[in-house]
PDB file of all heavy atoms in Angstrom:
ATOM      1  N   ALA A   1       0.851  -1.185   0.004  1.00  0.00           N
ATOM      2  CA  ALA A   1      -0.003  -0.002   0.001  1.00  0.00           C
ATOM      3  C   ALA A   1       0.886   1.233  -0.002  1.00  0.00           C
ATOM      4  O   ALA A   1       2.071   1.152   0.326  1.00  0.00           O
ATOM      5  CB  ALA A   1      -0.899   0.007   1.225  1.00  0.00           C
ATOM      6  N   ILE A   2       0.299   2.344  -0.350  1.00  0.00           N
ATOM      7  CA  ILE A   2       1.042   3.601  -0.319  1.00  0.00           C
ATOM      8  C   ILE A   2       0.148   4.643   0.360  1.00  0.00           C
ATOM      9  O   ILE A   2      -1.065   4.644   0.159  1.00  0.00           O
ATOM     10  CB  ILE A   2       1.467   4.063  -1.729  1.00  0.00           C
ATOM     11  CG1 ILE A   2       2.354   5.289  -1.658  1.00  0.00           C
ATOM     12  CG2 ILE A   2       0.255   4.292  -2.617  1.00  0.00           C
ATOM     13  CD1 ILE A   2       3.007   5.655  -2.974  1.00  0.00           C
ATOM     14  N   ALA A   3       0.763   5.458   1.187  1.00  0.00           N
ATOM     15  CA  ALA A   3       0.027   6.552   1.834  1.00  0.00           C
ATOM     16  C   ALA A   3       0.655   7.855   1.354  1.00  0.00           C
ATOM     17  O   ALA A   3       1.873   8.013   1.418  1.00  0.00           O
ATOM     18  CB  ALA A   3       0.128   6.434   3.344  1.00  0.00           C
ATOM     19  N   LEU A   4      -0.157   8.756   0.877  1.00  0.00           N
ATOM     20  CA  LEU A   4       0.322  10.035   0.375  1.00  0.00           C
ATOM     21  C   LEU A   4      -0.129  11.135   1.317  1.00  0.00           C
ATOM     22  O   LEU A   4      -1.295  11.180   1.711  1.00  0.00           O
ATOM     23  CB  LEU A   4      -0.222  10.293  -1.029  1.00  0.00           C
ATOM     24  CG  LEU A   4       0.080   9.200  -2.056  1.00  0.00           C
ATOM     25  CD1 LEU A   4      -0.634   9.481  -3.362  1.00  0.00           C
ATOM     26  CD2 LEU A   4       1.570   9.060  -2.262  1.00  0.00           C
ATOM     27  N   PHE A   5       0.775  12.009   1.670  1.00  0.00           N
ATOM     28  CA  PHE A   5       0.490  13.092   2.601  1.00  0.00           C
ATOM     29  C   PHE A   5       0.916  14.427   2.008  1.00  0.00           C
ATOM     30  O   PHE A   5       1.937  14.505   1.341  1.00  0.00           O
ATOM     31  CB  PHE A   5       1.241  12.891   3.926  1.00  0.00           C
ATOM     32  CG  PHE A   5       0.839  11.651   4.650  1.00  0.00           C
ATOM     33  CD1 PHE A   5       1.496  10.460   4.432  1.00  0.00           C
ATOM     34  CD2 PHE A   5      -0.197  11.690   5.558  1.00  0.00           C
ATOM     35  CE1 PHE A   5       1.134   9.315   5.106  1.00  0.00           C
ATOM     36  CE2 PHE A   5      -0.582  10.544   6.236  1.00  0.00           C
ATOM     37  CZ  PHE A   5       0.099   9.354   6.004  1.00  0.00           C
ATOM     38  N   TRP A   6       0.126  15.446   2.257  1.00  0.00           N
ATOM     39  CA  TRP A   6       0.462  16.788   1.861  1.00  0.00           C
ATOM     40  C   TRP A   6       0.380  17.679   3.070  1.00  0.00           C
ATOM     41  O   TRP A   6      -0.243  17.335   4.069  1.00  0.00           O
ATOM     42  CB  TRP A   6      -0.519  17.295   0.800  1.00  0.00           C
ATOM     43  CG  TRP A   6      -0.191  16.820  -0.570  1.00  0.00           C
ATOM     44  CD1 TRP A   6       0.480  17.513  -1.528  1.00  0.00           C
ATOM     45  CD2 TRP A   6      -0.511  15.562  -1.142  1.00  0.00           C
ATOM     46  NE1 TRP A   6       0.591  16.751  -2.663  1.00  0.00           N
ATOM     47  CE2 TRP A   6      -0.020  15.541  -2.447  1.00  0.00           C
ATOM     48  CE3 TRP A   6      -1.165  14.424  -0.679  1.00  0.00           C
ATOM     49  CZ2 TRP A   6      -0.147  14.456  -3.298  1.00  0.00           C
ATOM     50  CZ3 TRP A   6      -1.310  13.349  -1.510  1.00  0.00           C
ATOM     51  CH2 TRP A   6      -0.800  13.382  -2.804  1.00  0.00           C
ATOM     52  N   ASN A   7       0.982  18.830   2.995  1.00  0.00           N
ATOM     53  CA  ASN A   7       0.934  19.757   4.113  1.00  0.00           C
ATOM     54  C   ASN A   7      -0.102  20.860   3.876  1.00  0.00           C
ATOM     55  O   ASN A   7      -0.004  21.943   4.404  1.00  0.00           O
ATOM     56  CB  ASN A   7       2.307  20.368   4.381  1.00  0.00           C
ATOM     57  CG  ASN A   7       2.851  21.129   3.205  1.00  0.00           C
ATOM     58  OD1 ASN A   7       2.344  21.030   2.101  1.00  0.00           O
ATOM     59  ND2 ASN A   7       3.899  21.885   3.421  1.00  0.00           N
ATOM     60  N   GLU A   8      -1.127  20.568   3.084  1.00  0.00           N
ATOM     61  CA  GLU A   8      -2.217  21.486   2.810  1.00  0.00           C
ATOM     62  C   GLU A   8      -3.535  20.758   3.031  1.00  0.00           C
ATOM     63  O   GLU A   8      -3.682  19.613   2.660  1.00  0.00           O
ATOM     64  CB  GLU A   8      -2.174  21.988   1.373  1.00  0.00           C
ATOM     65  CG  GLU A   8      -0.958  22.822   1.059  1.00  0.00           C
ATOM     66  CD  GLU A   8      -0.950  23.305  -0.375  1.00  0.00           C
ATOM     67  OE1 GLU A   8      -2.052  23.448  -0.953  1.00  0.00           O
ATOM     68  OE2 GLU A   8       0.124  23.542  -0.895  1.00  0.00           O
ATOM     69  N   HIS A   9      -4.469  21.444   3.638  1.00  0.00           N
ATOM     70  CA  HIS A   9      -5.797  20.856   3.816  1.00  0.00           C
ATOM     71  C   HIS A   9      -6.626  21.148   2.567  1.00  0.00           C
ATOM     72  O   HIS A   9      -6.560  22.241   2.013  1.00  0.00           O
ATOM     73  CB  HIS A   9      -6.516  21.474   5.023  1.00  0.00           C
ATOM     74  CG  HIS A   9      -5.997  20.954   6.322  1.00  0.00           C
ATOM     75  ND1 HIS A   9      -6.304  19.695   6.773  1.00  0.00           N
ATOM     76  CD2 HIS A   9      -5.199  21.522   7.243  1.00  0.00           C
ATOM     77  CE1 HIS A   9      -5.716  19.515   7.932  1.00  0.00           C
ATOM     78  NE2 HIS A   9      -5.044  20.599   8.244  1.00  0.00           N
ATOM     79  N   VAL A  10      -7.389  20.172   2.181  1.00  0.00           N
ATOM     80  CA  VAL A  10      -8.316  20.334   1.076  1.00  0.00           C
ATOM     81  C   VAL A  10      -9.723  20.367   1.654  1.00  0.00           C
ATOM     82  O   VAL A  10     -10.128  19.435   2.329  1.00  0.00           O
ATOM     83  CB  VAL A  10      -8.188  19.178   0.063  1.00  0.00           C
ATOM     84  CG1 VAL A  10      -9.212  19.320  -1.052  1.00  0.00           C
ATOM     85  CG2 VAL A  10      -6.771  19.112  -0.489  1.00  0.00           C
ATOM     86  N   HIS A  11     -10.412  21.435   1.435  1.00  0.00           N
ATOM     87  CA  HIS A  11     -11.784  21.572   1.941  1.00  0.00           C
ATOM     88  C   HIS A  11     -12.743  21.048   0.888  1.00  0.00           C
ATOM     89  O   HIS A  11     -12.754  21.518  -0.249  1.00  0.00           O
ATOM     90  CB  HIS A  11     -12.109  23.028   2.249  1.00  0.00           C
ATOM     91  CG  HIS A  11     -11.285  23.602   3.350  1.00  0.00           C
ATOM     92  ND1 HIS A  11     -11.617  23.451   4.662  1.00  0.00           N
ATOM     93  CD2 HIS A  11     -10.123  24.288   3.331  1.00  0.00           C
ATOM     94  CE1 HIS A  11     -10.716  24.042   5.412  1.00  0.00           C
ATOM     95  NE2 HIS A  11      -9.800  24.563   4.624  1.00  0.00           N
ATOM     96  N   SER A  12     -13.507  20.038   1.259  1.00  0.00           N
ATOM     97  CA  SER A  12     -14.543  19.519   0.367  1.00  0.00           C
ATOM     98  C   SER A  12     -15.596  18.823   1.211  1.00  0.00           C
ATOM     99  O   SER A  12     -15.394  18.559   2.395  1.00  0.00           O
ATOM    100  CB  SER A  12     -13.948  18.536  -0.643  1.00  0.00           C
ATOM    101  OG  SER A  12     -13.656  17.299  -0.028  1.00  0.00           O
ATOM    102  N   ASP A  13     -16.697  18.491   0.604  1.00  0.00           N
ATOM    103  CA  ASP A  13     -17.751  17.750   1.302  1.00  0.00           C
ATOM    104  C   ASP A  13     -17.237  16.389   1.770  1.00  0.00           C
ATOM    105  O   ASP A  13     -17.669  15.861   2.794  1.00  0.00           O
ATOM    106  CB  ASP A  13     -18.976  17.555   0.409  1.00  0.00           C
ATOM    107  CG  ASP A  13     -19.670  18.873   0.138  1.00  0.00           C
ATOM    108  OD1 ASP A  13     -19.493  19.826   0.914  1.00  0.00           O
ATOM    109  OD2 ASP A  13     -20.397  18.939  -0.872  1.00  0.00           O
ATOM    110  N   ALA A  14     -16.295  15.811   1.034  1.00  0.00           N
ATOM    111  CA  ALA A  14     -15.760  14.496   1.375  1.00  0.00           C
ATOM    112  C   ALA A  14     -14.943  14.505   2.654  1.00  0.00           C
ATOM    113  O   ALA A  14     -14.747  13.458   3.278  1.00  0.00           O
ATOM    114  CB  ALA A  14     -14.912  13.956   0.221  1.00  0.00           C
ATOM    115  N   SER A  15     -14.443  15.658   3.065  1.00  0.00           N
ATOM    116  CA  SER A  15     -13.610  15.701   4.279  1.00  0.00           C
ATOM    117  C   SER A  15     -14.435  15.612   5.556  1.00  0.00           C
ATOM    118  O   SER A  15     -13.876  15.454   6.641  1.00  0.00           O
ATOM    119  CB  SER A  15     -12.763  16.978   4.300  1.00  0.00           C
ATOM    120  OG  SER A  15     -13.582  18.114   4.431  1.00  0.00           O
ATOM    121  N   ASN A  16     -15.747  15.707   5.441  1.00  0.00           N
ATOM    122  CA  ASN A  16     -16.655  15.550   6.590  1.00  0.00           C
ATOM    123  C   ASN A  16     -16.260  16.388   7.796  1.00  0.00           C
ATOM    124  O   ASN A  16     -16.316  15.938   8.928  1.00  0.00           O
ATOM    125  CB  ASN A  16     -16.740  14.073   6.997  1.00  0.00           C
ATOM    126  CG  ASN A  16     -17.394  13.233   5.942  1.00  0.00           C
ATOM    127  OD1 ASN A  16     -18.357  13.655   5.314  1.00  0.00           O
ATOM    128  ND2 ASN A  16     -16.872  12.040   5.722  1.00  0.00           N
ATOM    129  N   GLY A  17     -15.812  17.623   7.570  1.00  0.00           N
ATOM    130  CA  GLY A  17     -15.484  18.515   8.669  1.00  0.00           C
ATOM    131  C   GLY A  17     -14.151  18.247   9.341  1.00  0.00           C
ATOM    132  O   GLY A  17     -13.873  18.777  10.415  1.00  0.00           O
ATOM    133  N   PHE A  18     -13.295  17.425   8.722  1.00  0.00           N
ATOM    134  CA  PHE A  18     -12.009  17.091   9.342  1.00  0.00           C
ATOM    135  C   PHE A  18     -11.201  18.331   9.670  1.00  0.00           C
ATOM    136  O   PHE A  18     -10.682  18.471  10.781  1.00  0.00           O
ATOM    137  CB  PHE A  18     -11.203  16.173   8.416  1.00  0.00           C
ATOM    138  CG  PHE A  18      -9.806  15.913   8.903  1.00  0.00           C
ATOM    139  CD1 PHE A  18      -9.586  14.979   9.888  1.00  0.00           C
ATOM    140  CD2 PHE A  18      -8.736  16.622   8.407  1.00  0.00           C
ATOM    141  CE1 PHE A  18      -8.303  14.741  10.374  1.00  0.00           C
ATOM    142  CE2 PHE A  18      -7.450  16.399   8.869  1.00  0.00           C
ATOM    143  CZ  PHE A  18      -7.234  15.458   9.857  1.00  0.00           C
ATOM    144  N   PHE A  19     -11.072  19.241   8.725  1.00  0.00           N
ATOM    145  CA  PHE A  19     -10.264  20.441   8.934  1.00  0.00           C
ATOM    146  C   PHE A  19     -10.737  21.198  10.154  1.00  0.00           C
ATOM    147  O   PHE A  19      -9.946  21.586  11.012  1.00  0.00           O
ATOM    148  CB  PHE A  19     -10.312  21.346   7.694  1.00  0.00           C
ATOM    149  CG  PHE A  19      -9.527  22.602   7.858  1.00  0.00           C
ATOM    150  CD1 PHE A  19      -8.159  22.617   7.691  1.00  0.00           C
ATOM    151  CD2 PHE A  19     -10.165  23.786   8.182  1.00  0.00           C
ATOM    152  CE1 PHE A  19      -7.424  23.774   7.857  1.00  0.00           C
ATOM    153  CE2 PHE A  19      -9.442  24.959   8.343  1.00  0.00           C
ATOM    154  CZ  PHE A  19      -8.078  24.951   8.182  1.00  0.00           C
ATOM    155  N   GLU A  20     -12.026  21.400  10.259  1.00  0.00           N
ATOM    156  CA  GLU A  20     -12.569  22.151  11.389  1.00  0.00           C
ATOM    157  C   GLU A  20     -12.343  21.416  12.711  1.00  0.00           C
ATOM    158  O   GLU A  20     -12.031  22.028  13.735  1.00  0.00           O
ATOM    159  CB  GLU A  20     -14.073  22.393  11.175  1.00  0.00           C
ATOM    160  CG  GLU A  20     -14.375  23.334  10.016  1.00  0.00           C
ATOM    161  CD  GLU A  20     -14.233  22.708   8.630  1.00  0.00           C
ATOM    162  OE1 GLU A  20     -14.176  21.462   8.524  1.00  0.00           O
ATOM    163  OE2 GLU A  20     -14.174  23.468   7.665  1.00  0.00           O
ATOM    164  N   GLU A  21     -12.466  20.092  12.696  1.00  0.00           N
ATOM    165  CA  GLU A  21     -12.307  19.300  13.910  1.00  0.00           C
ATOM    166  C   GLU A  21     -10.868  19.323  14.454  1.00  0.00           C
ATOM    167  O   GLU A  21     -10.657  19.294  15.659  1.00  0.00           O
ATOM    168  CB  GLU A  21     -12.718  17.850  13.671  1.00  0.00           C
ATOM    169  CG  GLU A  21     -14.199  17.672  13.411  1.00  0.00           C
ATOM    170  CD  GLU A  21     -15.027  17.880  14.676  1.00  0.00           C
ATOM    171  OE1 GLU A  21     -14.556  17.558  15.771  1.00  0.00           O
ATOM    172  OE2 GLU A  21     -16.157  18.369  14.526  1.00  0.00           O
ATOM    173  N   VAL A  22      -9.879  19.345  13.588  1.00  0.00           N
ATOM    174  CA  VAL A  22      -8.494  19.278  14.061  1.00  0.00           C
ATOM    175  C   VAL A  22      -7.920  20.620  14.471  1.00  0.00           C
ATOM    176  O   VAL A  22      -6.841  20.673  15.048  1.00  0.00           O
ATOM    177  CB  VAL A  22      -7.554  18.601  13.027  1.00  0.00           C
ATOM    178  CG1 VAL A  22      -7.971  17.190  12.762  1.00  0.00           C
ATOM    179  CG2 VAL A  22      -7.449  19.407  11.760  1.00  0.00           C
ATOM    180  N   GLN A  23      -8.634  21.704  14.217  1.00  0.00           N
ATOM    181  CA  GLN A  23      -8.102  23.018  14.576  1.00  0.00           C
ATOM    182  C   GLN A  23      -7.810  23.139  16.073  1.00  0.00           C
ATOM    183  O   GLN A  23      -6.806  23.727  16.470  1.00  0.00           O
ATOM    184  CB  GLN A  23      -9.032  24.130  14.104  1.00  0.00           C
ATOM    185  CG  GLN A  23      -9.114  24.263  12.599  1.00  0.00           C
ATOM    186  CD  GLN A  23      -7.762  24.326  11.948  1.00  0.00           C
ATOM    187  OE1 GLN A  23      -6.991  25.257  12.167  1.00  0.00           O
ATOM    188  NE2 GLN A  23      -7.440  23.336  11.139  1.00  0.00           N
ATOM    189  N   GLU A  24      -8.661  22.578  16.919  1.00  0.00           N
ATOM    190  CA  GLU A  24      -8.449  22.631  18.367  1.00  0.00           C
ATOM    191  C   GLU A  24      -7.170  21.881  18.738  1.00  0.00           C
ATOM    192  O   GLU A  24      -6.377  22.332  19.575  1.00  0.00           O
ATOM    193  CB  GLU A  24      -9.642  22.048  19.106  1.00  0.00           C
ATOM    194  CG  GLU A  24      -9.557  22.213  20.601  1.00  0.00           C
ATOM    195  CD  GLU A  24     -10.809  21.728  21.302  1.00  0.00           C
ATOM    196  OE1 GLU A  24     -11.913  21.881  20.760  1.00  0.00           O
ATOM    197  OE2 GLU A  24     -10.641  21.180  22.413  1.00  0.00           O
ATOM    198  N   LEU A  25      -6.948  20.729  18.099  1.00  0.00           N
ATOM    199  CA  LEU A  25      -5.712  19.979  18.361  1.00  0.00           C
ATOM    200  C   LEU A  25      -4.490  20.761  17.904  1.00  0.00           C
ATOM    201  O   LEU A  25      -3.489  20.846  18.615  1.00  0.00           O
ATOM    202  CB  LEU A  25      -5.743  18.626  17.624  1.00  0.00           C
ATOM    203  CG  LEU A  25      -6.697  17.599  18.174  1.00  0.00           C
ATOM    204  CD1 LEU A  25      -6.756  16.399  17.240  1.00  0.00           C
ATOM    205  CD2 LEU A  25      -6.290  17.174  19.558  1.00  0.00           C
ATOM    206  N   TYR A  26      -4.569  21.333  16.706  1.00  0.00           N
ATOM    207  CA  TYR A  26      -3.446  22.143  16.224  1.00  0.00           C
ATOM    208  C   TYR A  26      -3.162  23.301  17.181  1.00  0.00           C
ATOM    209  O   TYR A  26      -2.005  23.593  17.464  1.00  0.00           O
ATOM    210  CB  TYR A  26      -3.752  22.713  14.843  1.00  0.00           C
ATOM    211  CG  TYR A  26      -3.729  21.715  13.706  1.00  0.00           C
ATOM    212  CD1 TYR A  26      -4.344  22.014  12.509  1.00  0.00           C
ATOM    213  CD2 TYR A  26      -3.086  20.501  13.806  1.00  0.00           C
ATOM    214  CE1 TYR A  26      -4.327  21.123  11.448  1.00  0.00           C
ATOM    215  CE2 TYR A  26      -3.058  19.588  12.773  1.00  0.00           C
ATOM    216  CZ  TYR A  26      -3.671  19.923  11.587  1.00  0.00           C
ATOM    217  OH  TYR A  26      -3.643  19.038  10.550  1.00  0.00           O
TER     218      TYR A  26
END
């Protein structure tokens, strides 16, 4: 398997609010 990571968040309906949820952790 391969896992690809970027240092930019992509905002889309598919992210299911991930960006917003991790802001408190960041």
